[in-house]
Amino acid sequence: MNVLRITAIHEAAHAVAAIRAGLVFDFVTAVPDDELELDGELHWTDLTASGTVVESPHLHAVVLLAGPCAEARERGLRADRVFSGVAASGDREAVASLGLSEEQFLAATRDALALIEKDWAVIEKVAAELEQGYDLEFEEVEAIVGASG
């Protein structure tokens, strides 16, 4: 399986989920950063990353879970297998920091899976751009999502 494609799908799902949740980010990339040991990343705005802007823990969890859920769909695996893997360790740590109850975690997972199903075609469009090696600014992803309805 193409690693760049999997990374692009994972990161595209984070970006599409963020836009659907009304959360703003700077840009998304599927280009690896060996120094930071990242395959790709959704770069939050400074206000979000610093905690100055606090969004709903549920919405944040949906965004975090969307990446592993989309990757699971692409790879034909169960979402929990991908979420417990090495590639999702950053997402897993970020979700854990939200302090969700088991019930809240399951609700966010259901919402992330529903979003992946509903927006799969949009996620693939964003991923196709990321696979070309482009970083996409928030506005560029927003335009792709908006054009898709």
N, C-alpha and C. Protein backbone atom coordinates (compact mmCIF):
# COMPACT_ATOMS: atom_id res chain seq x y z
N MET A 1 0.85 -1.19 0.00
CA MET A 1 0.00 0.00 0.00
C MET A 1 0.90 1.25 0.00
N ASN A 2 0.49 2.25 -0.73
CA ASN A 2 1.24 3.49 -0.88
C ASN A 2 1.17 4.32 0.42
N VAL A 3 2.34 4.50 1.06
CA VAL A 3 2.40 5.22 2.34
C VAL A 3 1.97 6.67 2.19
N LEU A 4 2.38 7.32 1.10
CA LEU A 4 1.99 8.72 0.89
C LEU A 4 0.47 8.83 0.76
N ARG A 5 -0.14 7.91 0.06
CA ARG A 5 -1.60 7.92 -0.12
C ARG A 5 -2.30 7.77 1.24
N ILE A 6 -1.83 6.85 2.06
CA ILE A 6 -2.42 6.63 3.38
C ILE A 6 -2.27 7.88 4.24
N THR A 7 -1.08 8.48 4.22
CA THR A 7 -0.85 9.71 5.00
C THR A 7 -1.75 10.83 4.49
N ALA A 8 -1.86 10.95 3.17
CA ALA A 8 -2.70 12.01 2.59
C ALA A 8 -4.16 11.84 2.99
N ILE A 9 -4.66 10.62 2.95
CA ILE A 9 -6.05 10.35 3.36
C ILE A 9 -6.23 10.70 4.84
N HIS A 10 -5.29 10.28 5.68
CA HIS A 10 -5.34 10.53 7.13
C HIS A 10 -5.41 12.03 7.39
N GLU A 11 -4.48 12.78 6.80
CA GLU A 11 -4.42 14.22 7.05
C GLU A 11 -5.58 14.96 6.42
N ALA A 12 -6.01 14.52 5.23
CA ALA A 12 -7.16 15.14 4.58
C ALA A 12 -8.41 15.00 5.44
N ALA A 13 -8.58 13.85 6.07
CA ALA A 13 -9.74 13.64 6.94
C ALA A 13 -9.72 14.58 8.13
N HIS A 14 -8.54 14.78 8.73
CA HIS A 14 -8.43 15.76 9.82
C HIS A 14 -8.89 17.13 9.33
N ALA A 15 -8.39 17.53 8.15
CA ALA A 15 -8.69 18.87 7.63
C ALA A 15 -10.17 19.04 7.30
N VAL A 16 -10.75 18.06 6.64
CA VAL A 16 -12.18 18.14 6.29
C VAL A 16 -13.02 18.15 7.56
N ALA A 17 -12.68 17.32 8.53
CA ALA A 17 -13.42 17.28 9.79
C ALA A 17 -13.31 18.62 10.53
N ALA A 18 -12.14 19.23 10.50
CA ALA A 18 -11.96 20.53 11.16
C ALA A 18 -12.88 21.57 10.52
N ILE A 19 -12.94 21.59 9.20
CA ILE A 19 -13.79 22.56 8.52
C ILE A 19 -15.26 22.28 8.83
N ARG A 20 -15.66 21.04 8.79
CA ARG A 20 -17.05 20.69 9.12
C ARG A 20 -17.40 21.07 10.56
N ALA A 21 -16.41 21.03 11.45
CA ALA A 21 -16.62 21.37 12.86
C ALA A 21 -16.53 22.88 13.12
N GLY A 22 -16.14 23.63 12.09
CA GLY A 22 -16.00 25.08 12.26
C GLY A 22 -14.71 25.48 12.94
N LEU A 23 -13.69 24.60 12.90
CA LEU A 23 -12.41 24.88 13.52
C LEU A 23 -11.41 25.33 12.46
N VAL A 24 -10.60 26.32 12.80
CA VAL A 24 -9.66 26.90 11.85
C VAL A 24 -8.26 26.34 12.10
N PHE A 25 -7.54 26.05 11.01
CA PHE A 25 -6.15 25.61 11.07
C PHE A 25 -5.34 26.43 10.09
N ASP A 26 -4.03 26.40 10.21
CA ASP A 26 -3.17 27.13 9.28
C ASP A 26 -3.05 26.39 7.96
N PHE A 27 -2.55 25.15 8.03
CA PHE A 27 -2.41 24.36 6.81
C PHE A 27 -2.31 22.88 7.17
N VAL A 28 -2.43 22.05 6.15
CA VAL A 28 -2.31 20.60 6.31
C VAL A 28 -1.28 20.11 5.30
N THR A 29 -0.53 19.10 5.69
CA THR A 29 0.50 18.55 4.81
C THR A 29 0.60 17.04 4.97
N ALA A 30 1.00 16.39 3.89
CA ALA A 30 1.30 14.95 3.96
C ALA A 30 2.79 14.72 3.74
N VAL A 31 3.55 15.82 3.72
CA VAL A 31 4.99 15.74 3.54
C VAL A 31 5.63 15.37 4.87
N PRO A 32 6.42 14.30 4.90
CA PRO A 32 7.05 13.87 6.15
C PRO A 32 8.03 14.92 6.69
N ASP A 33 8.10 15.02 8.00
CA ASP A 33 9.09 15.85 8.67
C ASP A 33 9.91 14.91 9.54
N ASP A 34 11.06 14.47 9.00
CA ASP A 34 11.88 13.49 9.70
C ASP A 34 12.40 14.02 11.03
N GLU A 35 12.69 15.32 11.07
CA GLU A 35 13.22 15.92 12.30
C GLU A 35 12.20 15.82 13.44
N LEU A 36 10.93 16.07 13.13
CA LEU A 36 9.87 15.98 14.14
C LEU A 36 9.23 14.60 14.19
N GLU A 37 9.71 13.70 13.35
CA GLU A 37 9.19 12.33 13.26
C GLU A 37 7.70 12.31 13.00
N LEU A 38 7.28 13.10 11.99
CA LEU A 38 5.88 13.17 11.60
C LEU A 38 5.74 12.73 10.15
N ASP A 39 4.69 11.95 9.86
CA ASP A 39 4.42 11.58 8.47
C ASP A 39 3.73 12.72 7.74
N GLY A 40 2.89 13.43 8.42
CA GLY A 40 2.14 14.57 7.91
C GLY A 40 1.50 15.22 9.12
N GLU A 41 0.83 16.36 8.89
CA GLU A 41 0.26 17.02 10.07
C GLU A 41 -0.74 18.09 9.67
N LEU A 42 -1.76 18.24 10.53
CA LEU A 42 -2.66 19.37 10.46
C LEU A 42 -2.07 20.41 11.42
N HIS A 43 -1.68 21.56 10.89
CA HIS A 43 -1.07 22.61 11.71
C HIS A 43 -2.15 23.57 12.18
N TRP A 44 -2.41 23.53 13.49
CA TRP A 44 -3.41 24.42 14.07
C TRP A 44 -2.90 25.85 14.09
N THR A 45 -3.81 26.82 14.15
CA THR A 45 -3.40 28.22 14.29
C THR A 45 -2.75 28.38 15.65
N ASP A 46 -1.97 29.43 15.82
CA ASP A 46 -1.31 29.69 17.10
C ASP A 46 -2.33 29.83 18.24
N LEU A 47 -3.47 30.46 17.95
CA LEU A 47 -4.49 30.65 18.99
C LEU A 47 -5.07 29.32 19.44
N THR A 48 -5.27 28.40 18.51
CA THR A 48 -5.81 27.08 18.87
C THR A 48 -4.75 26.26 19.58
N ALA A 49 -3.53 26.24 19.03
CA ALA A 49 -2.45 25.44 19.60
C ALA A 49 -2.10 25.89 21.02
N SER A 50 -2.19 27.20 21.29
CA SER A 50 -1.84 27.72 22.60
C SER A 50 -2.95 27.56 23.63
N GLY A 51 -4.15 27.20 23.15
CA GLY A 51 -5.28 27.06 24.06
C GLY A 51 -6.04 28.36 24.26
N THR A 52 -5.64 29.44 23.57
CA THR A 52 -6.33 30.72 23.67
C THR A 52 -7.76 30.59 23.15
N VAL A 53 -7.91 29.87 22.04
CA VAL A 53 -9.23 29.58 21.51
C VAL A 53 -9.54 28.14 21.89
N VAL A 54 -10.57 27.96 22.69
CA VAL A 54 -10.92 26.62 23.16
C VAL A 54 -12.22 26.20 22.49
N GLU A 55 -12.14 25.13 21.73
CA GLU A 55 -13.34 24.62 21.08
C GLU A 55 -13.91 23.47 21.91
N SER A 56 -15.00 22.97 21.47
CA SER A 56 -15.66 21.86 22.12
C SER A 56 -14.75 20.63 22.14
N PRO A 57 -14.57 20.00 23.31
CA PRO A 57 -13.78 18.78 23.35
C PRO A 57 -14.34 17.70 22.41
N HIS A 58 -15.66 17.65 22.28
CA HIS A 58 -16.28 16.67 21.38
C HIS A 58 -15.85 16.93 19.93
N LEU A 59 -15.96 18.18 19.49
CA LEU A 59 -15.59 18.50 18.11
C LEU A 59 -14.10 18.26 17.87
N HIS A 60 -13.29 18.62 18.84
CA HIS A 60 -11.85 18.40 18.71
C HIS A 60 -11.56 16.89 18.61
N ALA A 61 -12.26 16.10 19.40
CA ALA A 61 -12.08 14.64 19.34
C ALA A 61 -12.50 14.09 17.98
N VAL A 62 -13.58 14.60 17.42
CA VAL A 62 -14.03 14.14 16.10
C VAL A 62 -12.94 14.42 15.06
N VAL A 63 -12.34 15.61 15.13
CA VAL A 63 -11.27 15.97 14.19
C VAL A 63 -10.08 15.02 14.37
N LEU A 64 -9.70 14.78 15.62
CA LEU A 64 -8.56 13.89 15.88
C LEU A 64 -8.84 12.46 15.44
N LEU A 65 -10.06 11.99 15.64
CA LEU A 65 -10.41 10.61 15.29
C LEU A 65 -10.64 10.42 13.79
N ALA A 66 -10.96 11.49 13.09
CA ALA A 66 -11.25 11.39 11.65
C ALA A 66 -10.05 10.84 10.87
N GLY A 67 -8.84 11.24 11.23
CA GLY A 67 -7.65 10.75 10.52
C GLY A 67 -7.51 9.24 10.60
N PRO A 68 -7.43 8.67 11.80
CA PRO A 68 -7.33 7.22 11.90
C PRO A 68 -8.53 6.48 11.30
N CYS A 69 -9.74 7.06 11.42
CA CYS A 69 -10.92 6.40 10.85
C CYS A 69 -10.85 6.35 9.33
N ALA A 70 -10.41 7.43 8.71
CA ALA A 70 -10.26 7.46 7.25
C ALA A 70 -9.15 6.52 6.80
N GLU A 71 -8.05 6.52 7.55
CA GLU A 71 -6.95 5.61 7.22
C GLU A 71 -7.42 4.16 7.29
N ALA A 72 -8.22 3.84 8.29
CA ALA A 72 -8.75 2.48 8.42
C ALA A 72 -9.60 2.12 7.21
N ARG A 73 -10.44 3.04 6.77
CA ARG A 73 -11.27 2.77 5.59
C ARG A 73 -10.39 2.52 4.38
N GLU A 74 -9.40 3.37 4.19
CA GLU A 74 -8.50 3.23 3.03
C GLU A 74 -7.74 1.91 3.05
N ARG A 75 -7.34 1.48 4.23
CA ARG A 75 -6.54 0.26 4.36
C ARG A 75 -7.38 -1.00 4.55
N GLY A 76 -8.69 -0.85 4.70
CA GLY A 76 -9.56 -2.00 4.90
C GLY A 76 -9.39 -2.63 6.28
N LEU A 77 -9.12 -1.78 7.28
CA LEU A 77 -8.92 -2.25 8.65
C LEU A 77 -10.00 -1.68 9.55
N ARG A 78 -10.12 -2.24 10.74
CA ARG A 78 -11.00 -1.66 11.75
C ARG A 78 -10.34 -0.39 12.29
N ALA A 79 -11.16 0.61 12.60
CA ALA A 79 -10.64 1.89 13.09
C ALA A 79 -9.84 1.74 14.38
N ASP A 80 -10.28 0.85 15.27
CA ASP A 80 -9.57 0.69 16.54
C ASP A 80 -8.16 0.15 16.32
N ARG A 81 -7.95 -0.68 15.28
CA ARG A 81 -6.61 -1.19 14.98
C ARG A 81 -5.68 -0.07 14.56
N VAL A 82 -6.19 0.83 13.73
CA VAL A 82 -5.37 1.95 13.27
C VAL A 82 -5.13 2.91 14.42
N PHE A 83 -6.17 3.21 15.21
CA PHE A 83 -6.05 4.17 16.31
C PHE A 83 -5.05 3.69 17.37
N SER A 84 -4.92 2.38 17.54
CA SER A 84 -3.99 1.88 18.54
C SER A 84 -2.57 1.69 17.99
N GLY A 85 -2.37 1.96 16.70
CA GLY A 85 -1.06 1.78 16.07
C GLY A 85 -0.12 2.95 16.28
N VAL A 86 1.12 2.75 15.88
CA VAL A 86 2.17 3.76 16.03
C VAL A 86 1.84 5.05 15.28
N ALA A 87 1.32 4.93 14.07
CA ALA A 87 1.05 6.11 13.24
C ALA A 87 0.03 7.06 13.86
N ALA A 88 -0.84 6.55 14.72
CA ALA A 88 -1.87 7.37 15.34
C ALA A 88 -1.52 7.76 16.78
N SER A 89 -0.27 7.58 17.18
CA SER A 89 0.10 7.86 18.58
C SER A 89 -0.14 9.32 18.95
N GLY A 90 0.14 10.25 18.05
CA GLY A 90 -0.10 11.67 18.34
C GLY A 90 -1.58 11.95 18.50
N ASP A 91 -2.39 11.37 17.62
CA ASP A 91 -3.85 11.53 17.73
C ASP A 91 -4.36 10.94 19.03
N ARG A 92 -3.85 9.77 19.38
CA ARG A 92 -4.27 9.07 20.60
C ARG A 92 -3.93 9.91 21.84
N GLU A 93 -2.73 10.47 21.88
CA GLU A 93 -2.32 11.30 23.02
C GLU A 93 -3.18 12.56 23.10
N ALA A 94 -3.46 13.16 21.95
CA ALA A 94 -4.27 14.38 21.94
C ALA A 94 -5.70 14.09 22.40
N VAL A 95 -6.27 12.98 21.97
CA VAL A 95 -7.61 12.60 22.43
C VAL A 95 -7.60 12.34 23.93
N ALA A 96 -6.58 11.65 24.42
CA ALA A 96 -6.48 11.37 25.85
C ALA A 96 -6.43 12.66 26.66
N SER A 97 -5.76 13.68 26.13
CA SER A 97 -5.63 14.95 26.86
C SER A 97 -6.96 15.69 26.98
N LEU A 98 -7.96 15.30 26.19
CA LEU A 98 -9.27 15.96 26.26
C LEU A 98 -10.07 15.51 27.47
N GLY A 99 -9.69 14.39 28.07
CA GLY A 99 -10.36 13.91 29.29
C GLY A 99 -11.79 13.46 29.07
N LEU A 100 -12.06 12.86 27.93
CA LEU A 100 -13.41 12.40 27.63
C LEU A 100 -13.75 11.14 28.43
N SER A 101 -15.00 11.01 28.75
CA SER A 101 -15.46 9.75 29.35
C SER A 101 -15.53 8.71 28.23
N GLU A 102 -15.71 7.46 28.61
CA GLU A 102 -15.82 6.40 27.59
C GLU A 102 -17.02 6.68 26.67
N GLU A 103 -18.10 7.12 27.26
CA GLU A 103 -19.31 7.43 26.50
C GLU A 103 -19.06 8.58 25.51
N GLN A 104 -18.36 9.62 25.96
CA GLN A 104 -18.03 10.75 25.08
C GLN A 104 -17.08 10.32 23.96
N PHE A 105 -16.12 9.48 24.30
CA PHE A 105 -15.17 8.98 23.30
C PHE A 105 -15.92 8.18 22.22
N LEU A 106 -16.83 7.31 22.65
CA LEU A 106 -17.60 6.51 21.70
C LEU A 106 -18.49 7.39 20.83
N ALA A 107 -19.08 8.42 21.40
CA ALA A 107 -19.92 9.34 20.62
C ALA A 107 -19.08 10.08 19.57
N ALA A 108 -17.89 10.51 19.97
CA ALA A 108 -17.00 11.20 19.02
C ALA A 108 -16.54 10.25 17.92
N THR A 109 -16.30 9.00 18.27
CA THR A 109 -15.90 8.00 17.27
C THR A 109 -17.03 7.76 16.29
N ARG A 110 -18.25 7.63 16.77
CA ARG A 110 -19.41 7.44 15.87
C ARG A 110 -19.54 8.63 14.92
N ASP A 111 -19.37 9.84 15.46
CA ASP A 111 -19.48 11.04 14.63
C ASP A 111 -18.35 11.11 13.59
N ALA A 112 -17.15 10.72 13.99
CA ALA A 112 -16.02 10.71 13.04
C ALA A 112 -16.26 9.70 11.93
N LEU A 113 -16.74 8.51 12.28
CA LEU A 113 -17.03 7.48 11.27
C LEU A 113 -18.13 7.95 10.31
N ALA A 114 -19.16 8.62 10.84
CA ALA A 114 -20.24 9.13 10.00
C ALA A 114 -19.72 10.21 9.05
N LEU A 115 -18.86 11.07 9.55
CA LEU A 115 -18.28 12.12 8.72
C LEU A 115 -17.44 11.51 7.59
N ILE A 116 -16.67 10.49 7.89
CA ILE A 116 -15.83 9.83 6.88
C ILE A 116 -16.72 9.26 5.78
N GLU A 117 -17.81 8.62 6.16
CA GLU A 117 -18.72 8.06 5.15
C GLU A 117 -19.34 9.16 4.29
N LYS A 118 -19.84 10.19 4.94
CA LYS A 118 -20.52 11.28 4.24
C LYS A 118 -19.56 12.06 3.34
N ASP A 119 -18.36 12.30 3.80
CA ASP A 119 -17.42 13.18 3.10
C ASP A 119 -16.27 12.43 2.41
N TRP A 120 -16.43 11.14 2.16
CA TRP A 120 -15.32 10.37 1.58
C TRP A 120 -14.82 10.97 0.26
N ALA A 121 -15.72 11.36 -0.62
CA ALA A 121 -15.31 11.93 -1.91
C ALA A 121 -14.51 13.22 -1.72
N VAL A 122 -14.92 14.03 -0.75
CA VAL A 122 -14.21 15.29 -0.47
C VAL A 122 -12.82 14.98 0.12
N ILE A 123 -12.77 14.02 1.02
CA ILE A 123 -11.49 13.62 1.61
C ILE A 123 -10.54 13.15 0.52
N GLU A 124 -11.05 12.38 -0.43
CA GLU A 124 -10.20 11.91 -1.53
C GLU A 124 -9.70 13.06 -2.39
N LYS A 125 -10.53 14.09 -2.61
CA LYS A 125 -10.09 15.27 -3.39
C LYS A 125 -8.97 16.01 -2.68
N VAL A 126 -9.13 16.22 -1.39
CA VAL A 126 -8.08 16.90 -0.60
C VAL A 126 -6.82 16.04 -0.58
N ALA A 127 -6.99 14.74 -0.39
CA ALA A 127 -5.84 13.83 -0.36
C ALA A 127 -5.08 13.84 -1.68
N ALA A 128 -5.80 13.93 -2.80
CA ALA A 128 -5.14 13.95 -4.11
C ALA A 128 -4.21 15.15 -4.23
N GLU A 129 -4.63 16.29 -3.68
CA GLU A 129 -3.77 17.48 -3.68
C GLU A 129 -2.56 17.27 -2.77
N LEU A 130 -2.80 16.70 -1.61
CA LEU A 130 -1.71 16.45 -0.66
C LEU A 130 -0.71 15.44 -1.24
N GLU A 131 -1.20 14.47 -1.98
CA GLU A 131 -0.31 13.47 -2.59
C GLU A 131 0.64 14.09 -3.60
N GLN A 132 0.27 15.23 -4.16
CA GLN A 132 1.13 15.92 -5.12
C GLN A 132 2.28 16.65 -4.41
N GLY A 133 2.28 16.59 -3.08
CA GLY A 133 3.35 17.23 -2.31
C GLY A 133 3.03 18.66 -1.91
N TYR A 134 1.77 19.06 -2.10
CA TYR A 134 1.37 20.42 -1.75
C TYR A 134 0.92 20.49 -0.31
N ASP A 135 1.29 21.59 0.35
CA ASP A 135 0.66 21.94 1.62
C ASP A 135 -0.58 22.72 1.25
N LEU A 136 -1.69 22.46 1.91
CA LEU A 136 -2.92 23.18 1.62
C LEU A 136 -3.26 24.10 2.78
N GLU A 137 -3.44 25.37 2.48
CA GLU A 137 -3.87 26.34 3.47
C GLU A 137 -5.34 26.07 3.81
N PHE A 138 -5.77 26.57 4.96
CA PHE A 138 -7.16 26.42 5.39
C PHE A 138 -8.12 26.81 4.28
N GLU A 139 -7.90 27.97 3.66
CA GLU A 139 -8.79 28.49 2.64
C GLU A 139 -8.87 27.57 1.43
N GLU A 140 -7.77 26.91 1.09
CA GLU A 140 -7.77 25.99 -0.05
C GLU A 140 -8.61 24.75 0.24
N VAL A 141 -8.47 24.21 1.45
CA VAL A 141 -9.28 23.05 1.84
C VAL A 141 -10.75 23.47 1.94
N GLU A 142 -11.00 24.64 2.50
CA GLU A 142 -12.35 25.15 2.63
C GLU A 142 -13.02 25.28 1.25
N ALA A 143 -12.26 25.71 0.24
CA ALA A 143 -12.79 25.83 -1.11
C ALA A 143 -13.16 24.48 -1.70
N ILE A 144 -12.33 23.47 -1.46
CA ILE A 144 -12.62 22.12 -1.95
C ILE A 144 -13.86 21.57 -1.27
N VAL A 145 -13.96 21.75 0.04
CA VAL A 145 -15.13 21.29 0.80
C VAL A 145 -16.38 22.04 0.33
N GLY A 146 -16.26 23.35 0.17
CA GLY A 146 -17.41 24.16 -0.26
C GLY A 146 -17.89 23.80 -1.65
N ALA A 147 -16.96 23.50 -2.55
CA ALA A 147 -17.32 23.13 -3.93
C ALA A 147 -18.01 21.77 -3.98
N SER A 148 -17.79 20.98 -2.96
CA SER A 148 -18.35 19.62 -2.93
C SER A 148 -19.71 19.58 -2.23
N GLY A 149 -20.11 20.71 -1.68
CA GLY A 149 -21.43 20.77 -1.02
C GLY A 149 -21.45 20.46 0.41
